[in-house]
């Protein structure tokens, strides 16, 4: 484990390439490392940090407050509408139906948020698998690994995810402010270019545009799923 973490920090792409070329016994298995590091990050977020703050409860509380504020705003708007005598009863009925649908949406969205939070590691692996498909198409004939398989690409991305988790534990451990942590995590995501470049053997620009195309593909899939979920919700609760 310690050798794997050391090499992930100092020479991530070369270490992953060595693992894929047959040096499996020299390094800790990627999926076991992923779940161990994820468990460690949960412990840190649960209060094992310098301030002893349960960051998970804090994030959930902030999210609930946002949802409740939207719900209360809807109720206030409904009360104002009822005080307006000029409005027709049919319009009031539509408004009440829309408010009820919004409340149902908040409840469903809160349940989805809690479920994703409870199964975060699995959700991340599924998202990583979707990301690996276009990434493998773009990198399968790279100079360093000219015959890379999809499974090897997935293993490589799991190792890179382990590297990201290691870096992201630092702001959780030191309790960074929200804005500072966001900037730090954005910088960490940009650093993914380095291990992918080392692994593939491409230059920086070739690596960047391939990563950009794969990211756009993943974002498009996520957007389509979100739009589909919204339309499904409208069909179930509004129409």
C-alpha atoms as a PDB file:
ATOM      1  CA  UNK A   1       0.000   0.000   0.000  1.00  0.00           C
ATOM      2  CA  UNK A   2       2.671   2.529   0.995  1.00  0.00           C
ATOM      3  CA  UNK A   3       4.791   1.789  -2.068  1.00  0.00           C
ATOM      4  CA  UNK A   4       1.728   2.137  -4.284  1.00  0.00           C
ATOM      5  CA  UNK A   5       0.787   5.474  -2.684  1.00  0.00           C
ATOM      6  CA  UNK A   6       4.372   6.719  -2.984  1.00  0.00           C
ATOM      7  CA  UNK A   7       4.575   5.840  -6.672  1.00  0.00           C
ATOM      8  CA  UNK A   8       1.090   7.224  -7.327  1.00  0.00           C
ATOM      9  CA  UNK A   9       2.199  10.554  -5.907  1.00  0.00           C
ATOM     10  CA  UNK A  10       5.636  10.677  -7.567  1.00  0.00           C
ATOM     11  CA  UNK A  11       5.239   8.794 -10.868  1.00  0.00           C
ATOM     12  CA  UNK A  12       1.544   7.921 -11.291  1.00  0.00           C
ATOM     13  CA  UNK A  13       1.368   7.225 -15.028  1.00  0.00           C
ATOM     14  CA  UNK A  14       4.579   5.183 -15.121  1.00  0.00           C
ATOM     15  CA  UNK A  15       3.480   3.202 -12.058  1.00  0.00           C
ATOM     16  CA  UNK A  16       0.123   2.353 -13.682  1.00  0.00           C
ATOM     17  CA  UNK A  17       1.893   1.375 -16.897  1.00  0.00           C
ATOM     18  CA  UNK A  18       4.197  -0.968 -14.949  1.00  0.00           C
ATOM     19  CA  UNK A  19       1.151  -2.549 -13.279  1.00  0.00           C
ATOM     20  CA  UNK A  20      -0.598  -3.122 -16.599  1.00  0.00           C
ATOM     21  CA  UNK A  21       2.568  -4.636 -18.109  1.00  0.00           C
ATOM     22  CA  UNK A  22       2.767  -7.373 -15.480  1.00  0.00           C
ATOM     23  CA  UNK A  23       4.083  -5.940 -12.205  1.00  0.00           C
ATOM     24  CA  UNK A  24       0.855  -6.683 -10.294  1.00  0.00           C
ATOM     25  CA  UNK A  25       2.693  -8.235  -7.331  1.00  0.00           C
ATOM     26  CA  UNK A  26       4.662  -5.037  -6.731  1.00  0.00           C
ATOM     27  CA  UNK A  27       1.599  -2.850  -6.118  1.00  0.00           C
ATOM     28  CA  UNK A  28      -1.568  -2.872  -4.071  1.00  0.00           C
ATOM     29  CA  UNK A  29      -4.668  -3.945  -6.066  1.00  0.00           C
ATOM     30  CA  UNK A  30      -6.485  -0.875  -7.455  1.00  0.00           C
ATOM     31  CA  UNK A  31     -10.038  -1.737  -6.395  1.00  0.00           C
ATOM     32  CA  UNK A  32      -9.068  -2.682  -2.843  1.00  0.00           C
ATOM     33  CA  UNK A  33      -7.106   0.558  -2.584  1.00  0.00           C
ATOM     34  CA  UNK A  34     -10.114   2.469  -3.954  1.00  0.00           C
ATOM     35  CA  UNK A  35     -12.516   1.196  -1.280  1.00  0.00           C
ATOM     36  CA  UNK A  36      -9.952   1.574   1.529  1.00  0.00           C
ATOM     37  CA  UNK A  37      -9.168   5.159   0.540  1.00  0.00           C
ATOM     38  CA  UNK A  38     -12.864   5.898   0.155  1.00  0.00           C
ATOM     39  CA  UNK A  39     -13.527   4.530   3.653  1.00  0.00           C
ATOM     40  CA  UNK A  40     -10.698   6.707   4.973  1.00  0.00           C
ATOM     41  CA  UNK A  41     -12.177   9.795   3.298  1.00  0.00           C
ATOM     42  CA  UNK A  42     -15.558   9.005   4.904  1.00  0.00           C
ATOM     43  CA  UNK A  43     -13.896   8.750   8.313  1.00  0.00           C
ATOM     44  CA  UNK A  44     -12.216  12.117   7.792  1.00  0.00           C
ATOM     45  CA  UNK A  45     -15.467  13.727   6.662  1.00  0.00           C
ATOM     46  CA  UNK A  46     -17.291  12.140   9.615  1.00  0.00           C
ATOM     47  CA  UNK A  47     -15.135  13.964  12.155  1.00  0.00           C
ATOM     48  CA  UNK A  48     -11.613  12.543  11.976  1.00  0.00           C
ATOM     49  CA  UNK A  49     -10.131  15.948  11.089  1.00  0.00           C
ATOM     50  CA  UNK A  50      -8.305  18.746  12.888  1.00  0.00           C
ATOM     51  CA  UNK A  51     -11.545  20.480  13.937  1.00  0.00           C
ATOM     52  CA  UNK A  52     -13.573  17.356  14.691  1.00  0.00           C
ATOM     53  CA  UNK A  53     -16.368  18.562  12.358  1.00  0.00           C
ATOM     54  CA  UNK A  54     -18.785  16.114  10.791  1.00  0.00           C
ATOM     55  CA  UNK A  55     -18.646  17.504   7.276  1.00  0.00           C
ATOM     56  CA  UNK A  56     -21.210  15.005   5.961  1.00  0.00           C
ATOM     57  CA  UNK A  57     -23.879  16.204   8.393  1.00  0.00           C
ATOM     58  CA  UNK A  58     -22.949  19.814   7.648  1.00  0.00           C
ATOM     59  CA  UNK A  59     -23.351  19.300   3.885  1.00  0.00           C
ATOM     60  CA  UNK A  60     -26.638  17.463   4.358  1.00  0.00           C
ATOM     61  CA  UNK A  61     -27.920  20.237   6.654  1.00  0.00           C
ATOM     62  CA  UNK A  62     -26.978  22.929   4.130  1.00  0.00           C
ATOM     63  CA  UNK A  63     -28.654  20.987   1.340  1.00  0.00           C
ATOM     64  CA  UNK A  64     -31.823  20.490   3.422  1.00  0.00           C
ATOM     65  CA  UNK A  65     -31.925  24.194   4.271  1.00  0.00           C
ATOM     66  CA  UNK A  66     -31.737  25.087   0.563  1.00  0.00           C
ATOM     67  CA  UNK A  67     -34.560  22.678  -0.275  1.00  0.00           C
ATOM     68  CA  UNK A  68     -36.701  23.875   2.656  1.00  0.00           C
ATOM     69  CA  UNK A  69     -36.139  27.524   1.731  1.00  0.00           C
ATOM     70  CA  UNK A  70     -37.394  26.801  -1.783  1.00  0.00           C
ATOM     71  CA  UNK A  71     -40.412  25.035  -0.337  1.00  0.00           C
ATOM     72  CA  UNK A  72     -41.160  27.900   2.068  1.00  0.00           C
ATOM     73  CA  UNK A  73     -40.833  30.399  -0.778  1.00  0.00           C
ATOM     74  CA  UNK A  74     -43.380  28.406  -2.726  1.00  0.00           C
ATOM     75  CA  UNK A  75     -45.740  28.452   0.252  1.00  0.00           C
ATOM     76  CA  UNK A  76     -45.353  32.203   0.650  1.00  0.00           C
ATOM     77  CA  UNK A  77     -46.103  32.696  -3.026  1.00  0.00           C
ATOM     78  CA  UNK A  78     -49.156  30.503  -2.638  1.00  0.00           C
ATOM     79  CA  UNK A  79     -50.396  32.590   0.328  1.00  0.00           C
ATOM     80  CA  UNK A  80     -49.956  35.802  -1.655  1.00  0.00           C
ATOM     81  CA  UNK A  81     -51.833  34.332  -4.561  1.00  0.00           C
ATOM     82  CA  UNK A  82     -54.725  33.349  -2.329  1.00  0.00           C
ATOM     83  CA  UNK A  83     -54.956  36.892  -1.002  1.00  0.00           C
ATOM     84  CA  UNK A  84     -55.341  38.208  -4.509  1.00  0.00           C
ATOM     85  CA  UNK A  85     -59.093  38.190  -5.058  1.00  0.00           C
ATOM     86  CA  UNK A  86     -58.780  38.989  -8.732  1.00  0.00           C
ATOM     87  CA  UNK A  87     -57.338  35.614  -9.624  1.00  0.00           C
ATOM     88  CA  UNK A  88     -59.639  32.960 -10.994  1.00  0.00           C
ATOM     89  CA  UNK A  89     -60.236  29.706  -9.131  1.00  0.00           C
ATOM     90  CA  UNK A  90     -58.936  27.701 -12.073  1.00  0.00           C
ATOM     91  CA  UNK A  91     -55.604  29.514 -11.901  1.00  0.00           C
ATOM     92  CA  UNK A  92     -55.447  28.894  -8.137  1.00  0.00           C
ATOM     93  CA  UNK A  93     -55.998  25.193  -8.736  1.00  0.00           C
ATOM     94  CA  UNK A  94     -53.154  25.093 -11.272  1.00  0.00           C
ATOM     95  CA  UNK A  95     -50.932  26.999  -8.842  1.00  0.00           C
ATOM     96  CA  UNK A  96     -51.737  24.574  -6.050  1.00  0.00           C
ATOM     97  CA  UNK A  97     -50.997  21.635  -8.309  1.00  0.00           C
ATOM     98  CA  UNK A  98     -47.689  23.171  -9.364  1.00  0.00           C
ATOM     99  CA  UNK A  99     -46.750  23.872  -5.723  1.00  0.00           C
ATOM    100  CA  UNK A 100     -47.574  20.294  -4.759  1.00  0.00           C
ATOM    101  CA  UNK A 101     -45.476  19.021  -7.663  1.00  0.00           C
ATOM    102  CA  UNK A 102     -42.586  21.232  -6.528  1.00  0.00           C
ATOM    103  CA  UNK A 103     -42.828  19.860  -3.003  1.00  0.00           C
ATOM    104  CA  UNK A 104     -42.813  16.302  -4.369  1.00  0.00           C
ATOM    105  CA  UNK A 105     -39.798  17.203  -6.508  1.00  0.00           C
ATOM    106  CA  UNK A 106     -37.945  18.478  -3.418  1.00  0.00           C
ATOM    107  CA  UNK A 107     -38.747  15.274  -1.539  1.00  0.00           C
ATOM    108  CA  UNK A 108     -37.630  13.054  -4.434  1.00  0.00           C
ATOM    109  CA  UNK A 109     -34.491  15.126  -5.026  1.00  0.00           C
ATOM    110  CA  UNK A 110     -33.599  14.918  -1.308  1.00  0.00           C
ATOM    111  CA  UNK A 111     -34.016  11.123  -1.338  1.00  0.00           C
ATOM    112  CA  UNK A 112     -31.838  10.840  -4.451  1.00  0.00           C
ATOM    113  CA  UNK A 113     -29.176  13.050  -2.845  1.00  0.00           C
ATOM    114  CA  UNK A 114     -29.122  10.898   0.310  1.00  0.00           C
ATOM    115  CA  UNK A 115     -29.014   7.675  -1.709  1.00  0.00           C
ATOM    116  CA  UNK A 116     -26.096   8.923  -3.825  1.00  0.00           C
ATOM    117  CA  UNK A 117     -24.329  10.058  -0.662  1.00  0.00           C
ATOM    118  CA  UNK A 118     -24.770   6.609   0.914  1.00  0.00           C
ATOM    119  CA  UNK A 119     -23.603   4.772  -2.228  1.00  0.00           C
ATOM    120  CA  UNK A 120     -21.045   7.314  -3.402  1.00  0.00           C
ATOM    121  CA  UNK A 121     -18.274   4.806  -4.096  1.00  0.00           C
ATOM    122  CA  UNK A 122     -20.471   2.669  -6.351  1.00  0.00           C
ATOM    123  CA  UNK A 123     -21.883   5.685  -8.175  1.00  0.00           C
ATOM    124  CA  UNK A 124     -18.362   6.958  -8.836  1.00  0.00           C
ATOM    125  CA  UNK A 125     -17.301   3.573 -10.243  1.00  0.00           C
ATOM    126  CA  UNK A 126     -20.304   3.520 -12.597  1.00  0.00           C
ATOM    127  CA  UNK A 127     -19.540   7.077 -13.746  1.00  0.00           C
ATOM    128  CA  UNK A 128     -15.904   6.036 -14.210  1.00  0.00           C
ATOM    129  CA  UNK A 129     -16.985   3.113 -16.375  1.00  0.00           C
ATOM    130  CA  UNK A 130     -19.007   5.460 -18.606  1.00  0.00           C
ATOM    131  CA  UNK A 131     -16.000   7.780 -18.789  1.00  0.00           C
ATOM    132  CA  UNK A 132     -13.659   4.920 -19.711  1.00  0.00           C
ATOM    133  CA  UNK A 133     -15.607   3.957 -22.845  1.00  0.00           C
ATOM    134  CA  UNK A 134     -14.854   7.108 -24.890  1.00  0.00           C
ATOM    135  CA  UNK A 135     -11.461   7.393 -23.199  1.00  0.00           C
ATOM    136  CA  UNK A 136     -10.485   3.909 -24.350  1.00  0.00           C
ATOM    137  CA  UNK A 137     -11.586   4.682 -27.921  1.00  0.00           C
ATOM    138  CA  UNK A 138      -9.330   7.737 -27.939  1.00  0.00           C
ATOM    139  CA  UNK A 139      -6.319   6.157 -26.168  1.00  0.00           C
ATOM    140  CA  UNK A 140      -6.428   2.496 -27.247  1.00  0.00           C
ATOM    141  CA  UNK A 141      -3.603   3.000 -29.778  1.00  0.00           C
ATOM    142  CA  UNK A 142      -1.435   5.278 -27.631  1.00  0.00           C
ATOM    143  CA  UNK A 143       2.368   5.069 -28.081  1.00  0.00           C
ATOM    144  CA  UNK A 144       3.145   3.584 -24.653  1.00  0.00           C
ATOM    145  CA  UNK A 145       0.307   0.987 -24.710  1.00  0.00           C
ATOM    146  CA  UNK A 146      -0.598   0.417 -28.378  1.00  0.00           C
ATOM    147  CA  UNK A 147      -2.919  -2.543 -27.656  1.00  0.00           C
ATOM    148  CA  UNK A 148      -4.635  -1.307 -24.498  1.00  0.00           C
ATOM    149  CA  UNK A 149      -7.879  -3.114 -23.665  1.00  0.00           C
ATOM    150  CA  UNK A 150     -10.994  -1.538 -22.160  1.00  0.00           C
ATOM    151  CA  UNK A 151     -10.463  -3.414 -18.896  1.00  0.00           C
ATOM    152  CA  UNK A 152      -6.903  -2.049 -18.678  1.00  0.00           C
ATOM    153  CA  UNK A 153      -8.194   1.472 -19.280  1.00  0.00           C
ATOM    154  CA  UNK A 154     -10.716   0.978 -16.468  1.00  0.00           C
ATOM    155  CA  UNK A 155      -8.021  -0.276 -14.072  1.00  0.00           C
ATOM    156  CA  UNK A 156      -5.834   2.703 -14.975  1.00  0.00           C
ATOM    157  CA  UNK A 157      -8.664   5.159 -14.270  1.00  0.00           C
ATOM    158  CA  UNK A 158      -9.383   3.480 -10.922  1.00  0.00           C
ATOM    159  CA  UNK A 159      -5.734   4.044  -9.958  1.00  0.00           C
ATOM    160  CA  UNK A 160      -5.994   7.677 -11.085  1.00  0.00           C
ATOM    161  CA  UNK A 161      -9.191   7.999  -9.020  1.00  0.00           C
ATOM    162  CA  UNK A 162      -7.212   6.695  -6.042  1.00  0.00           C
ATOM    163  CA  UNK A 163      -4.696   9.475  -6.647  1.00  0.00           C
ATOM    164  CA  UNK A 164      -7.508  12.057  -6.736  1.00  0.00           C
ATOM    165  CA  UNK A 165      -8.975  10.685  -3.484  1.00  0.00           C
ATOM    166  CA  UNK A 166      -5.578  10.934  -1.780  1.00  0.00           C
ATOM    167  CA  UNK A 167      -5.259  14.582  -2.760  1.00  0.00           C
ATOM    168  CA  UNK A 168      -8.878  15.349  -1.833  1.00  0.00           C
ATOM    169  CA  UNK A 169      -8.445  13.928   1.674  1.00  0.00           C
ATOM    170  CA  UNK A 170      -6.104  16.841   2.453  1.00  0.00           C
ATOM    171  CA  UNK A 171      -8.750  19.650   2.407  1.00  0.00           C
ATOM    172  CA  UNK A 172     -11.144  17.425   4.343  1.00  0.00           C
ATOM    173  CA  UNK A 173      -8.479  16.736   6.960  1.00  0.00           C
ATOM    174  CA  UNK A 174      -7.549  20.418   7.267  1.00  0.00           C
ATOM    175  CA  UNK A 175     -11.185  21.637   7.014  1.00  0.00           C
ATOM    176  CA  UNK A 176     -10.740  24.056   4.132  1.00  0.00           C
ATOM    177  CA  UNK A 177     -13.406  26.669   3.504  1.00  0.00           C
ATOM    178  CA  UNK A 178     -15.934  25.807   0.777  1.00  0.00           C
ATOM    179  CA  UNK A 179     -14.547  28.217  -1.835  1.00  0.00           C
ATOM    180  CA  UNK A 180     -10.940  27.239  -1.137  1.00  0.00           C
ATOM    181  CA  UNK A 181     -11.797  23.549  -1.282  1.00  0.00           C
ATOM    182  CA  UNK A 182     -13.611  24.000  -4.610  1.00  0.00           C
ATOM    183  CA  UNK A 183     -10.583  25.734  -6.166  1.00  0.00           C
ATOM    184  CA  UNK A 184      -8.265  23.052  -4.744  1.00  0.00           C
ATOM    185  CA  UNK A 185     -10.400  20.192  -6.118  1.00  0.00           C
ATOM    186  CA  UNK A 186     -10.581  21.894  -9.515  1.00  0.00           C
ATOM    187  CA  UNK A 187      -6.782  22.111  -9.540  1.00  0.00           C
ATOM    188  CA  UNK A 188      -6.558  18.405  -8.584  1.00  0.00           C
ATOM    189  CA  UNK A 189      -8.843  17.454 -11.482  1.00  0.00           C
ATOM    190  CA  UNK A 190      -6.643  19.415 -13.879  1.00  0.00           C
ATOM    191  CA  UNK A 191      -3.629  17.506 -12.547  1.00  0.00           C
ATOM    192  CA  UNK A 192      -5.175  14.296 -13.939  1.00  0.00           C
ATOM    193  CA  UNK A 193      -3.586  15.334 -17.246  1.00  0.00           C
ATOM    194  CA  UNK A 194      -0.137  14.407 -15.872  1.00  0.00           C
ATOM    195  CA  UNK A 195      -0.743  10.699 -15.068  1.00  0.00           C
ATOM    196  CA  UNK A 196      -2.730  10.209 -18.282  1.00  0.00           C
ATOM    197  CA  UNK A 197       0.132  11.739 -20.283  1.00  0.00           C
ATOM    198  CA  UNK A 198       2.704   9.521 -18.546  1.00  0.00           C
ATOM    199  CA  UNK A 199       0.529   6.451 -19.068  1.00  0.00           C
ATOM    200  CA  UNK A 200      -0.281   7.026 -22.737  1.00  0.00           C
ATOM    201  CA  UNK A 201       2.992   8.460 -24.005  1.00  0.00           C
ATOM    202  CA  UNK A 202       1.216  11.276 -25.853  1.00  0.00           C
ATOM    203  CA  UNK A 203       2.252  14.912 -25.569  1.00  0.00           C
ATOM    204  CA  UNK A 204       0.350  17.374 -23.410  1.00  0.00           C
ATOM    205  CA  UNK A 205      -1.868  18.785 -26.170  1.00  0.00           C
ATOM    206  CA  UNK A 206      -2.772  15.355 -27.521  1.00  0.00           C
ATOM    207  CA  UNK A 207      -3.642  14.231 -24.002  1.00  0.00           C
ATOM    208  CA  UNK A 208      -5.677  17.353 -23.205  1.00  0.00           C
ATOM    209  CA  UNK A 209      -7.934  17.266 -26.268  1.00  0.00           C
ATOM    210  CA  UNK A 210      -8.629  13.557 -25.827  1.00  0.00           C
ATOM    211  CA  UNK A 211      -9.544  14.056 -22.172  1.00  0.00           C
ATOM    212  CA  UNK A 212     -11.714  17.026 -23.149  1.00  0.00           C
ATOM    213  CA  UNK A 213     -13.651  14.978 -25.727  1.00  0.00           C
ATOM    214  CA  UNK A 214     -14.212  12.136 -23.241  1.00  0.00           C
ATOM    215  CA  UNK A 215     -15.362  14.635 -20.570  1.00  0.00           C
ATOM    216  CA  UNK A 216     -17.815  16.272 -22.987  1.00  0.00           C
ATOM    217  CA  UNK A 217     -19.220  12.834 -23.824  1.00  0.00           C
ATOM    218  CA  UNK A 218     -19.699  12.012 -20.134  1.00  0.00           C
ATOM    219  CA  UNK A 219     -21.291  15.415 -19.449  1.00  0.00           C
ATOM    220  CA  UNK A 220     -23.677  14.905 -22.382  1.00  0.00           C
ATOM    221  CA  UNK A 221     -24.748  11.500 -21.056  1.00  0.00           C
ATOM    222  CA  UNK A 222     -25.305  12.996 -17.593  1.00  0.00           C
ATOM    223  CA  UNK A 223     -27.322  15.890 -19.024  1.00  0.00           C
ATOM    224  CA  UNK A 224     -29.519  13.545 -21.067  1.00  0.00           C
ATOM    225  CA  UNK A 225     -30.163  11.387 -17.988  1.00  0.00           C
ATOM    226  CA  UNK A 226     -31.069  14.493 -15.974  1.00  0.00           C
ATOM    227  CA  UNK A 227     -33.459  15.743 -18.667  1.00  0.00           C
ATOM    228  CA  UNK A 228     -35.049  12.298 -18.863  1.00  0.00           C
ATOM    229  CA  UNK A 229     -35.503  12.204 -15.078  1.00  0.00           C
ATOM    230  CA  UNK A 230     -37.129  15.662 -15.089  1.00  0.00           C
ATOM    231  CA  UNK A 231     -39.550  14.705 -17.882  1.00  0.00           C
ATOM    232  CA  UNK A 232     -40.388  11.465 -16.063  1.00  0.00           C
ATOM    233  CA  UNK A 233     -41.106  13.435 -12.889  1.00  0.00           C
ATOM    234  CA  UNK A 234     -43.315  15.918 -14.785  1.00  0.00           C
ATOM    235  CA  UNK A 235     -45.238  13.038 -16.365  1.00  0.00           C
ATOM    236  CA  UNK A 236     -45.773  11.341 -12.988  1.00  0.00           C
ATOM    237  CA  UNK A 237     -46.629  14.349 -10.789  1.00  0.00           C
ATOM    238  CA  UNK A 238     -47.741  17.210 -13.040  1.00  0.00           C
ATOM    239  CA  UNK A 239     -49.516  15.872 -16.113  1.00  0.00           C
END
